[in-house]
Amino acid sequence: MNLKKVLVLAAVALVLFLLITRPEESAGAVQTVLGWLREGAESIITFIRSLFGTATPVA
């Protein structure tokens, strides 16, 4: 088997294991990651708006 396939399979198995054995901690981790993505998207939007002179704060 290809090494890349083995690593992807192992990662998927680990994620499934954690979701099944620790669902509350997994949900917290997902919420944290989604929060980071939201903050990053808001920062990019603010940057683009400031480039075009329409900088308004995101509430």
N, C-alpha and C. Protein backbone atom coordinates (compact mmCIF):
# COMPACT_ATOMS: atom_id res chain seq x y z
N MET A 1 0.84 -1.19 0.00
CA MET A 1 0.00 0.00 0.00
C MET A 1 0.88 1.25 0.00
N ASN A 2 0.40 2.27 -0.62
CA ASN A 2 1.12 3.52 -0.70
C ASN A 2 1.19 4.17 0.69
N LEU A 3 2.30 4.78 1.03
CA LEU A 3 2.48 5.41 2.34
C LEU A 3 1.44 6.50 2.58
N LYS A 4 1.14 7.27 1.55
CA LYS A 4 0.14 8.34 1.69
C LYS A 4 -1.22 7.76 2.06
N LYS A 5 -1.61 6.66 1.42
CA LYS A 5 -2.89 6.03 1.72
C LYS A 5 -2.92 5.50 3.15
N VAL A 6 -1.81 4.96 3.60
CA VAL A 6 -1.73 4.43 4.96
C VAL A 6 -1.87 5.56 5.97
N LEU A 7 -1.20 6.69 5.72
CA LEU A 7 -1.29 7.82 6.64
C LEU A 7 -2.70 8.42 6.67
N VAL A 8 -3.34 8.52 5.52
CA VAL A 8 -4.71 9.04 5.47
C VAL A 8 -5.66 8.10 6.20
N LEU A 9 -5.51 6.82 5.98
CA LEU A 9 -6.35 5.83 6.65
C LEU A 9 -6.15 5.88 8.17
N ALA A 10 -4.90 6.01 8.61
CA ALA A 10 -4.62 6.11 10.04
C ALA A 10 -5.22 7.38 10.64
N ALA A 11 -5.15 8.49 9.92
CA ALA A 11 -5.72 9.75 10.40
C ALA A 11 -7.24 9.64 10.52
N VAL A 12 -7.88 9.05 9.52
CA VAL A 12 -9.33 8.87 9.57
C VAL A 12 -9.72 7.95 10.72
N ALA A 13 -8.97 6.88 10.91
CA ALA A 13 -9.26 5.96 12.01
C ALA A 13 -9.10 6.66 13.36
N LEU A 14 -8.09 7.50 13.50
CA LEU A 14 -7.89 8.23 14.75
C LEU A 14 -9.03 9.20 15.01
N VAL A 15 -9.45 9.92 13.98
CA VAL A 15 -10.56 10.86 14.14
C VAL A 15 -11.83 10.13 14.54
N LEU A 16 -12.13 9.02 13.88
CA LEU A 16 -13.32 8.25 14.23
C LEU A 16 -13.23 7.72 15.66
N PHE A 17 -12.06 7.24 16.05
CA PHE A 17 -11.87 6.74 17.41
C PHE A 17 -12.14 7.84 18.43
N LEU A 18 -11.59 9.02 18.19
CA LEU A 18 -11.79 10.12 19.12
C LEU A 18 -13.25 10.58 19.15
N LEU A 19 -13.91 10.59 18.00
CA LEU A 19 -15.32 10.98 17.96
C LEU A 19 -16.19 10.01 18.75
N ILE A 20 -15.86 8.75 18.69
CA ILE A 20 -16.66 7.73 19.38
C ILE A 20 -16.36 7.69 20.87
N THR A 21 -15.08 7.77 21.23
CA THR A 21 -14.71 7.62 22.64
C THR A 21 -14.78 8.91 23.44
N ARG A 22 -14.62 10.06 22.79
CA ARG A 22 -14.63 11.35 23.49
C ARG A 22 -15.43 12.38 22.68
N PRO A 23 -16.74 12.20 22.60
CA PRO A 23 -17.53 13.10 21.76
C PRO A 23 -17.56 14.54 22.25
N GLU A 24 -17.59 14.76 23.57
CA GLU A 24 -17.65 16.13 24.08
C GLU A 24 -16.36 16.89 23.81
N GLU A 25 -15.22 16.23 24.02
CA GLU A 25 -13.95 16.88 23.74
C GLU A 25 -13.78 17.12 22.24
N SER A 26 -14.28 16.18 21.44
CA SER A 26 -14.20 16.35 19.98
C SER A 26 -15.04 17.54 19.53
N ALA A 27 -16.22 17.68 20.11
CA ALA A 27 -17.08 18.82 19.76
C ALA A 27 -16.41 20.13 20.16
N GLY A 28 -15.76 20.15 21.31
CA GLY A 28 -15.04 21.35 21.74
C GLY A 28 -13.91 21.70 20.78
N ALA A 29 -13.20 20.68 20.33
CA ALA A 29 -12.10 20.91 19.40
C ALA A 29 -12.62 21.45 18.07
N VAL A 30 -13.74 20.91 17.59
CA VAL A 30 -14.33 21.38 16.34
C VAL A 30 -14.78 22.83 16.49
N GLN A 31 -15.40 23.17 17.63
CA GLN A 31 -15.82 24.55 17.86
C GLN A 31 -14.63 25.49 17.89
N THR A 32 -13.53 25.06 18.48
CA THR A 32 -12.32 25.88 18.53
C THR A 32 -11.79 26.13 17.12
N VAL A 33 -11.70 25.08 16.32
CA VAL A 33 -11.19 25.22 14.96
C VAL A 33 -12.10 26.12 14.13
N LEU A 34 -13.42 25.94 14.27
CA LEU A 34 -14.35 26.80 13.54
C LEU A 34 -14.22 28.25 13.98
N GLY A 35 -13.95 28.48 15.25
CA GLY A 35 -13.73 29.84 15.74
C GLY A 35 -12.50 30.46 15.11
N TRP A 36 -11.43 29.67 14.99
CA TRP A 36 -10.21 30.16 14.34
C TRP A 36 -10.49 30.51 12.88
N LEU A 37 -11.23 29.65 12.19
CA LEU A 37 -11.56 29.90 10.78
C LEU A 37 -12.41 31.16 10.64
N ARG A 38 -13.35 31.35 11.56
CA ARG A 38 -14.19 32.54 11.52
C ARG A 38 -13.36 33.81 11.72
N GLU A 39 -12.47 33.78 12.71
CA GLU A 39 -11.62 34.94 12.97
C GLU A 39 -10.72 35.24 11.78
N GLY A 40 -10.20 34.19 11.17
CA GLY A 40 -9.36 34.37 9.99
C GLY A 40 -10.13 34.98 8.83
N ALA A 41 -11.36 34.49 8.61
CA ALA A 41 -12.19 35.03 7.53
C ALA A 41 -12.53 36.49 7.80
N GLU A 42 -12.84 36.83 9.05
CA GLU A 42 -13.15 38.22 9.39
C GLU A 42 -11.93 39.12 9.17
N SER A 43 -10.75 38.61 9.49
CA SER A 43 -9.53 39.39 9.27
C SER A 43 -9.29 39.63 7.79
N ILE A 44 -9.51 38.62 6.96
CA ILE A 44 -9.34 38.77 5.52
C ILE A 44 -10.35 39.77 4.97
N ILE A 45 -11.60 39.69 5.43
CA ILE A 45 -12.63 40.62 4.98
C ILE A 45 -12.25 42.05 5.36
N THR A 46 -11.79 42.24 6.59
CA THR A 46 -11.37 43.57 7.04
C THR A 46 -10.22 44.09 6.18
N PHE A 47 -9.27 43.23 5.87
CA PHE A 47 -8.14 43.62 5.03
C PHE A 47 -8.61 44.05 3.64
N ILE A 48 -9.48 43.26 3.03
CA ILE A 48 -9.97 43.58 1.68
C ILE A 48 -10.76 44.88 1.71
N ARG A 49 -11.59 45.06 2.74
CA ARG A 49 -12.36 46.30 2.83
C ARG A 49 -11.45 47.50 3.00
N SER A 50 -10.38 47.35 3.77
CA SER A 50 -9.46 48.48 3.96
C SER A 50 -8.71 48.80 2.68
N LEU A 51 -8.48 47.81 1.84
CA LEU A 51 -7.83 48.06 0.55
C LEU A 51 -8.70 48.94 -0.35
N PHE A 52 -10.00 48.73 -0.29
CA PHE A 52 -10.90 49.44 -1.17
C PHE A 52 -11.58 50.63 -0.48
N GLY A 53 -11.14 50.95 0.72
CA GLY A 53 -11.63 52.15 1.39
C GLY A 53 -13.02 52.04 1.98
N THR A 54 -13.49 50.84 2.20
CA THR A 54 -14.81 50.65 2.78
C THR A 54 -14.71 49.90 4.11
N ALA A 55 -13.71 50.28 4.87
CA ALA A 55 -13.46 49.57 6.13
C ALA A 55 -14.54 49.89 7.15
N THR A 56 -15.36 48.89 7.42
CA THR A 56 -16.34 48.97 8.49
C THR A 56 -16.14 47.77 9.37
N PRO A 57 -16.20 47.96 10.68
CA PRO A 57 -15.95 46.84 11.58
C PRO A 57 -17.01 45.76 11.43
N VAL A 58 -16.56 44.52 11.53
CA VAL A 58 -17.47 43.37 11.48
C VAL A 58 -17.98 43.15 12.88
N ALA A 59 -19.28 43.17 13.05
CA ALA A 59 -19.88 43.02 14.38
C ALA A 59 -20.03 41.59 14.78
